[in-house]
Amino acid sequence: MTLSYEVLVPAYQAEDSIAAAVASALAQEPAPLRVLVHSDGSTDATVERARAAGAEVVDAAENRGVGAARQALLERARAPWVLVLDSDDRLLPGAAGLFAGAVAAQPDAWVLGFGEVPDTSAAPDAPRLDPARPVDLRGLWQRNPFVSSSTLVRREPAVRVGGFPAVRRLVDYAFWLVLAGEPEAGGRLWNRTVPVTARAVHGGTITGNVVAAVQAERDLLVAHADAALAGLPGPVRTAATRVRLAVLWWRGLSRHRDYGRPSSSYLPAGDVVPGVVLPGLLGLLALPSVQRTVRAAARGARGALHRAAAAGRPPVARPAVAASEG
């Protein structure tokens, strides 16, 4: 049976990238029934360029945020499956063939996730489906494996749970947590690593505002902690939540630095992780002097390992060099 799907593209001020996003979707085989673009109050040429590329466009006068834009698109969709593609991302050649294969392998799925490559990287020439891994609520709460532009979603259960929340950050993660928390969700969420999307990630994207993203994820994790950790004793739930928030804070700090921003402009650990001891330890580990010491110790350990390994090998014979005549 031929895969029936639509590609939904929320867009704001995306005149430089929207045509490529739309074209990458329409070039797929099988092609989507429609590419729907929601211009979320754009004042540039987003609407005109999306239409010229072949998309059906909703031109909203007011900017209401990515959550509202995704929900408006979901309400207009008609196909059994939808894929939400960010306006600065592109579907890779052969992506729809992978979608079709995944649906055939997991016909009862609600969410089918795939991987991505950065927009500057080469995609595999002949991508093949890798083994799918099931995702449950607890695993999703511990780590979100889904890439927003690389995830196929069944429309019916998405609509039934209320669709996308009207928030501006972590819309997809919040949506997937709700889906995974449904009583019938067991065995319905799957993820693969084969890339289907060339994804733009840089400091100018919404992903680049690390502080706001970490704050939003902190609130989301706290809100879903009881459901995700149901069945565990109270003290274990508390400890697991603090550890999860500590990991969130630390990874956020790394991303913040990767975008070239100083640690001083990042969140204090106590703003993310409850308590005193763990935030204090995280703050200590994040100090530049401590980081330098840790890196130096790591380099020293690697050097010692290399020397020890070399000492255990037989010496390498070197050719004799004749002394030069004076």
Protein backbone atom coordinates (compact mmCIF):
# COMPACT_ATOMS: atom_id res chain seq x y z
CA MET A 1 0.00 0.00 0.00
CA THR A 2 1.32 3.45 -0.93
CA LEU A 3 2.21 5.71 1.97
CA SER A 4 -0.24 8.60 2.34
CA TYR A 5 1.28 11.58 4.13
CA GLU A 6 1.49 15.36 4.19
CA VAL A 7 4.40 17.64 5.06
CA LEU A 8 3.57 20.52 7.41
CA VAL A 9 5.94 23.50 7.50
CA PRO A 10 5.52 26.22 10.15
CA ALA A 11 7.41 29.29 8.96
CA TYR A 12 8.30 32.74 10.21
CA GLN A 13 10.49 35.15 8.25
CA ALA A 14 11.79 32.19 6.25
CA GLU A 15 12.15 33.75 2.79
CA ASP A 16 15.75 32.50 2.45
CA SER A 17 15.01 28.84 3.17
CA ILE A 18 11.33 28.06 2.60
CA ALA A 19 11.59 27.29 -1.12
CA ALA A 20 14.31 24.69 -0.52
CA ALA A 21 12.29 23.08 2.28
CA VAL A 22 9.17 22.84 0.11
CA ALA A 23 11.10 21.58 -2.92
CA SER A 24 12.81 18.87 -0.86
CA ALA A 25 9.39 17.55 0.20
CA LEU A 26 7.77 17.68 -3.25
CA ALA A 27 10.75 15.84 -4.77
CA GLN A 28 10.12 12.75 -2.62
CA GLU A 29 8.96 9.40 -3.98
CA PRO A 30 6.26 8.71 -2.96
CA ALA A 31 5.38 12.40 -2.95
CA PRO A 32 3.28 13.89 -0.16
CA LEU A 33 -0.37 14.58 -0.84
CA ARG A 34 0.30 18.22 0.00
CA VAL A 35 2.94 20.47 1.46
CA LEU A 36 1.18 22.88 3.81
CA VAL A 37 3.02 26.01 4.94
CA HIS A 38 1.78 28.18 7.81
CA SER A 39 3.30 31.64 7.64
CA ASP A 40 3.14 32.78 11.26
CA GLY A 41 2.82 36.52 10.74
CA SER A 42 5.81 36.78 8.40
CA THR A 43 6.45 40.21 6.91
CA ASP A 44 9.07 39.13 4.36
CA ALA A 45 8.60 37.11 1.16
CA THR A 46 7.93 33.78 2.92
CA VAL A 47 4.38 33.45 1.56
CA GLU A 48 5.25 34.27 -2.04
CA ARG A 49 8.27 31.99 -2.17
CA ALA A 50 6.43 29.08 -0.54
CA ARG A 51 3.60 29.35 -3.07
CA ALA A 52 6.01 29.65 -5.96
CA ALA A 53 7.72 26.45 -4.78
CA GLY A 54 4.42 24.57 -4.89
CA ALA A 55 3.11 24.69 -1.32
CA GLU A 56 -0.39 25.41 -0.12
CA VAL A 57 0.02 28.38 2.21
CA VAL A 58 -1.89 29.67 5.22
CA ASP A 59 -0.98 33.34 5.63
CA ALA A 60 -1.67 34.24 9.27
CA ALA A 61 -1.62 37.93 10.11
CA GLU A 62 -0.52 37.47 13.74
CA ASN A 63 2.60 35.76 15.07
CA ARG A 64 1.35 33.29 17.68
CA GLY A 65 4.37 31.02 18.00
CA VAL A 66 5.47 27.68 16.66
CA GLY A 67 3.07 25.64 18.79
CA ALA A 68 0.02 27.45 17.46
CA ALA A 69 1.38 27.24 13.90
CA ARG A 70 1.88 23.47 14.13
CA GLN A 71 -1.57 23.00 15.58
CA ALA A 72 -3.17 25.05 12.81
CA LEU A 73 -1.42 22.87 10.24
CA LEU A 74 -2.44 19.65 11.99
CA GLU A 75 -6.08 20.75 11.98
CA ARG A 76 -5.91 21.27 8.19
CA ALA A 77 -4.16 17.97 7.46
CA ARG A 78 -6.13 15.12 5.93
CA ALA A 79 -3.61 12.34 5.32
CA PRO A 80 -3.15 9.46 7.80
CA TRP A 81 0.47 10.50 8.42
CA VAL A 82 2.10 13.92 8.82
CA LEU A 83 5.67 15.12 9.05
CA VAL A 84 6.41 18.57 10.50
CA LEU A 85 9.42 20.04 8.72
CA ASP A 86 11.14 23.14 10.06
CA SER A 87 11.33 25.88 7.47
CA ASP A 88 15.13 25.96 7.43
CA ASP A 89 15.53 22.16 7.14
CA ARG A 90 15.37 19.90 4.08
CA LEU A 91 14.25 16.33 3.52
CA LEU A 92 17.04 14.22 2.07
CA PRO A 93 16.55 12.28 -1.19
CA GLY A 94 15.00 8.91 -0.43
CA ALA A 95 13.42 10.00 2.86
CA ALA A 96 9.89 9.04 1.82
CA GLY A 97 11.04 5.57 0.84
CA LEU A 98 12.35 5.12 4.37
CA PHE A 99 9.03 6.43 5.75
CA ALA A 100 7.14 3.85 3.71
CA GLY A 101 9.41 1.04 4.85
CA ALA A 102 9.05 2.04 8.49
CA VAL A 103 5.25 2.18 8.28
CA ALA A 104 5.22 -1.27 6.70
CA ALA A 105 7.44 -2.60 9.49
CA GLN A 106 5.41 -0.99 12.31
CA PRO A 107 1.89 -0.57 10.87
CA ASP A 108 0.35 0.20 14.28
CA ALA A 109 2.87 2.91 15.17
CA TRP A 110 1.93 6.42 16.24
CA VAL A 111 5.40 7.97 16.04
CA LEU A 112 8.25 6.90 13.75
CA GLY A 113 11.47 8.80 14.36
CA PHE A 114 14.57 8.98 12.18
CA GLY A 115 17.96 10.69 12.29
CA GLU A 116 19.45 13.82 10.78
CA VAL A 117 22.66 15.20 9.38
CA PRO A 118 23.84 18.80 9.76
CA ASP A 119 23.02 20.88 6.71
CA THR A 120 26.73 20.99 5.83
CA SER A 121 27.22 17.19 5.88
CA ALA A 122 26.87 14.63 3.12
CA ALA A 123 24.00 12.17 3.43
CA PRO A 124 24.46 8.45 2.73
CA ASP A 125 24.14 7.57 -0.96
CA ALA A 126 21.83 4.59 -0.45
CA PRO A 127 20.18 4.91 2.96
CA ARG A 128 18.64 1.77 4.44
CA LEU A 129 16.37 1.24 7.40
CA ASP A 130 18.29 0.36 10.53
CA PRO A 131 16.63 -1.57 13.37
CA ALA A 132 13.86 0.34 15.13
CA ARG A 133 14.03 0.84 18.89
CA PRO A 134 10.86 1.12 20.97
CA VAL A 135 10.41 4.30 23.02
CA ASP A 136 8.25 4.36 26.15
CA LEU A 137 7.29 7.23 28.44
CA ARG A 138 10.07 6.66 30.97
CA GLY A 139 12.74 6.36 28.31
CA LEU A 140 11.41 9.45 26.53
CA TRP A 141 11.46 11.41 29.79
CA GLN A 142 15.04 10.36 30.44
CA ARG A 143 16.16 11.35 26.95
CA ASN A 144 14.30 12.66 23.92
CA PRO A 145 15.52 10.65 20.91
CA PHE A 146 13.18 12.23 18.36
CA VAL A 147 14.31 14.91 15.90
CA SER A 148 11.48 17.34 15.17
CA SER A 149 11.94 17.51 11.39
CA SER A 150 12.66 13.78 11.08
CA THR A 151 9.61 12.28 12.77
CA LEU A 152 6.53 10.86 11.07
CA VAL A 153 3.36 11.08 13.18
CA ARG A 154 0.01 9.35 12.75
CA ARG A 155 -2.60 12.10 12.52
CA GLU A 156 -5.55 10.39 14.28
CA PRO A 157 -3.98 9.85 17.74
CA ALA A 158 -2.24 13.23 17.46
CA VAL A 159 -5.60 14.96 17.04
CA ARG A 160 -7.21 12.80 19.73
CA VAL A 161 -4.75 13.92 22.44
CA GLY A 162 -5.23 17.58 21.55
CA GLY A 163 -2.37 18.08 19.13
CA PHE A 164 0.50 20.46 19.67
CA PRO A 165 0.51 22.70 22.76
CA ALA A 166 0.40 26.45 22.16
CA VAL A 167 3.94 27.10 23.41
CA ARG A 168 6.97 28.55 21.68
CA ARG A 169 9.63 26.09 22.83
CA LEU A 170 9.93 22.30 23.01
CA VAL A 171 6.58 21.92 21.28
CA ASP A 172 7.47 18.49 19.92
CA TYR A 173 8.90 17.10 23.15
CA ALA A 174 5.80 18.18 25.06
CA PHE A 175 3.58 16.61 22.39
CA TRP A 176 5.48 13.31 22.35
CA LEU A 177 5.40 13.05 26.14
CA VAL A 178 1.60 13.40 26.04
CA LEU A 179 1.32 10.73 23.32
CA ALA A 180 3.65 8.37 25.18
CA GLY A 181 1.55 8.80 28.32
CA GLU A 182 -1.61 7.48 26.67
CA PRO A 183 -2.79 4.08 27.98
CA GLU A 184 -2.66 2.56 24.45
CA ALA A 185 0.80 3.93 23.63
CA GLY A 186 2.74 0.75 24.42
CA GLY A 187 4.62 -0.40 21.32
CA ARG A 188 3.45 2.64 19.33
CA LEU A 189 6.56 4.86 19.44
CA TRP A 190 9.69 3.82 17.53
CA ASN A 191 12.97 5.46 16.63
CA ARG A 192 15.72 4.85 14.10
CA THR A 193 19.03 6.60 13.44
CA VAL A 194 19.12 6.58 9.62
CA PRO A 195 19.03 10.26 8.55
CA VAL A 196 16.12 11.65 6.57
CA THR A 197 16.71 15.38 7.14
CA ALA A 198 19.47 17.92 6.61
CA ARG A 199 18.92 20.08 9.64
CA ALA A 200 20.03 23.65 10.27
CA VAL A 201 21.36 24.12 13.82
CA HIS A 202 23.09 27.37 14.65
CA GLY A 203 22.97 30.18 17.16
CA GLY A 204 20.30 32.02 15.21
CA THR A 205 17.75 29.21 15.34
CA ILE A 206 15.31 28.71 18.18
CA THR A 207 17.59 25.87 19.30
CA GLY A 208 20.38 28.42 19.71
CA ASN A 209 18.72 30.16 22.68
CA VAL A 210 20.02 27.57 25.11
CA VAL A 211 18.97 29.37 28.30
CA ALA A 212 15.31 29.57 27.28
CA ALA A 213 15.36 26.00 25.97
CA VAL A 214 16.79 24.64 29.25
CA GLN A 215 14.22 26.59 31.28
CA ALA A 216 11.39 25.20 29.14
CA GLU A 217 12.69 21.64 29.36
CA ARG A 218 13.09 21.92 33.14
CA ASP A 219 9.40 22.83 33.49
CA LEU A 220 8.38 20.06 31.10
CA LEU A 221 10.38 17.37 32.92
CA VAL A 222 9.00 18.38 36.30
CA ALA A 223 5.44 18.34 34.96
CA HIS A 224 5.80 14.78 33.60
CA ALA A 225 8.04 13.31 36.30
CA ASP A 226 5.28 11.59 38.30
CA ALA A 227 3.80 9.87 35.25
CA ALA A 228 7.19 8.87 33.81
CA LEU A 229 8.46 7.50 37.13
CA ALA A 230 5.20 5.91 38.28
CA GLY A 231 5.73 2.80 40.37
CA LEU A 232 9.03 3.96 41.89
CA PRO A 233 9.27 4.88 45.59
CA GLY A 234 8.99 8.59 46.35
CA PRO A 235 12.65 9.10 47.35
CA VAL A 236 13.77 7.32 44.17
CA ARG A 237 11.53 9.57 42.03
CA THR A 238 12.97 12.64 43.74
CA ALA A 239 16.55 11.50 43.22
CA ALA A 240 15.91 10.50 39.60
CA THR A 241 14.32 13.87 38.85
CA ARG A 242 17.26 15.78 40.32
CA VAL A 243 19.76 13.69 38.37
CA ARG A 244 17.79 14.21 35.16
CA LEU A 245 17.72 17.97 35.74
CA ALA A 246 21.44 17.96 36.51
CA VAL A 247 22.12 16.25 33.18
CA LEU A 248 19.90 18.82 31.46
CA TRP A 249 21.80 21.70 33.05
CA TRP A 250 25.21 20.25 32.18
CA ARG A 251 24.34 19.51 28.57
CA GLY A 252 22.86 22.97 28.24
CA LEU A 253 26.10 24.49 29.50
CA SER A 254 28.04 22.54 26.87
CA ARG A 255 25.71 23.72 24.08
CA HIS A 256 25.85 27.29 25.39
CA ARG A 257 29.64 27.21 25.10
CA ASP A 258 29.51 25.53 21.70
CA TYR A 259 27.63 28.59 20.42
CA GLY A 260 30.53 30.74 21.60
CA ARG A 261 28.81 32.19 24.66
CA PRO A 262 30.54 32.61 28.03
CA SER A 263 29.58 30.49 31.03
CA SER A 264 28.74 33.67 32.92
CA SER A 265 25.68 34.22 30.69
CA TYR A 266 24.30 30.74 31.39
CA LEU A 267 21.85 29.72 34.12
CA PRO A 268 23.05 29.10 37.68
CA ALA A 269 22.71 25.41 38.50
CA GLY A 270 20.28 26.20 41.31
CA ASP A 271 17.82 27.64 38.78
CA VAL A 272 17.43 24.18 37.24
CA VAL A 273 18.31 21.61 39.90
CA PRO A 274 16.54 21.70 43.31
CA GLY A 275 18.51 21.41 46.51
CA VAL A 276 21.88 22.69 47.66
CA VAL A 277 24.52 19.96 47.36
CA LEU A 278 24.07 18.94 43.73
CA PRO A 279 23.76 22.51 42.36
CA GLY A 280 26.84 23.47 44.37
CA LEU A 281 28.81 20.56 42.94
CA LEU A 282 27.71 21.40 39.40
CA GLY A 283 28.64 25.04 39.86
CA LEU A 284 32.08 24.00 41.12
CA LEU A 285 32.68 21.66 38.20
CA ALA A 286 31.69 24.41 35.77
CA LEU A 287 34.30 26.90 37.02
CA PRO A 288 36.87 27.68 34.29
CA SER A 289 39.77 26.85 36.61
CA VAL A 290 38.26 23.47 37.47
CA GLN A 291 37.52 22.80 33.80
CA ARG A 292 41.16 23.54 32.92
CA THR A 293 42.35 21.21 35.66
CA VAL A 294 40.00 18.44 34.51
CA ARG A 295 41.10 18.80 30.89
CA ALA A 296 44.78 18.80 31.90
CA ALA A 297 44.23 15.70 34.03
CA ALA A 298 42.46 14.00 31.12
CA ARG A 299 45.31 14.84 28.75
CA GLY A 300 47.82 13.53 31.31
CA ALA A 301 45.86 10.32 31.74
CA ARG A 302 45.71 9.79 27.98
CA GLY A 303 49.43 10.41 27.70
CA ALA A 304 50.14 7.94 30.49
CA LEU A 305 48.00 5.32 28.77
CA HIS A 306 49.83 5.86 25.48
CA ARG A 307 53.21 5.57 27.22
CA ALA A 308 52.13 2.45 29.06
CA ALA A 309 50.88 0.91 25.83
CA ALA A 310 54.11 1.82 24.06
CA ALA A 311 56.18 0.31 26.88
CA GLY A 312 54.35 -2.97 26.43
CA ARG A 313 55.20 -3.20 22.72
CA PRO A 314 58.52 -4.43 21.31
CA PRO A 315 60.78 -1.57 20.18
CA VAL A 316 60.45 -0.53 16.57
CA ALA A 317 63.65 -1.17 14.63
CA ARG A 318 65.05 1.97 13.04
CA PRO A 319 67.49 1.99 10.14
CA ALA A 320 71.06 2.88 11.09
CA VAL A 321 72.19 6.31 10.09
CA ALA A 322 75.83 6.66 9.06
CA ALA A 323 77.81 9.42 10.72
CA SER A 324 78.58 12.24 8.38
CA GLU A 325 82.25 12.77 7.46
CA GLY A 326 83.75 16.02 8.50
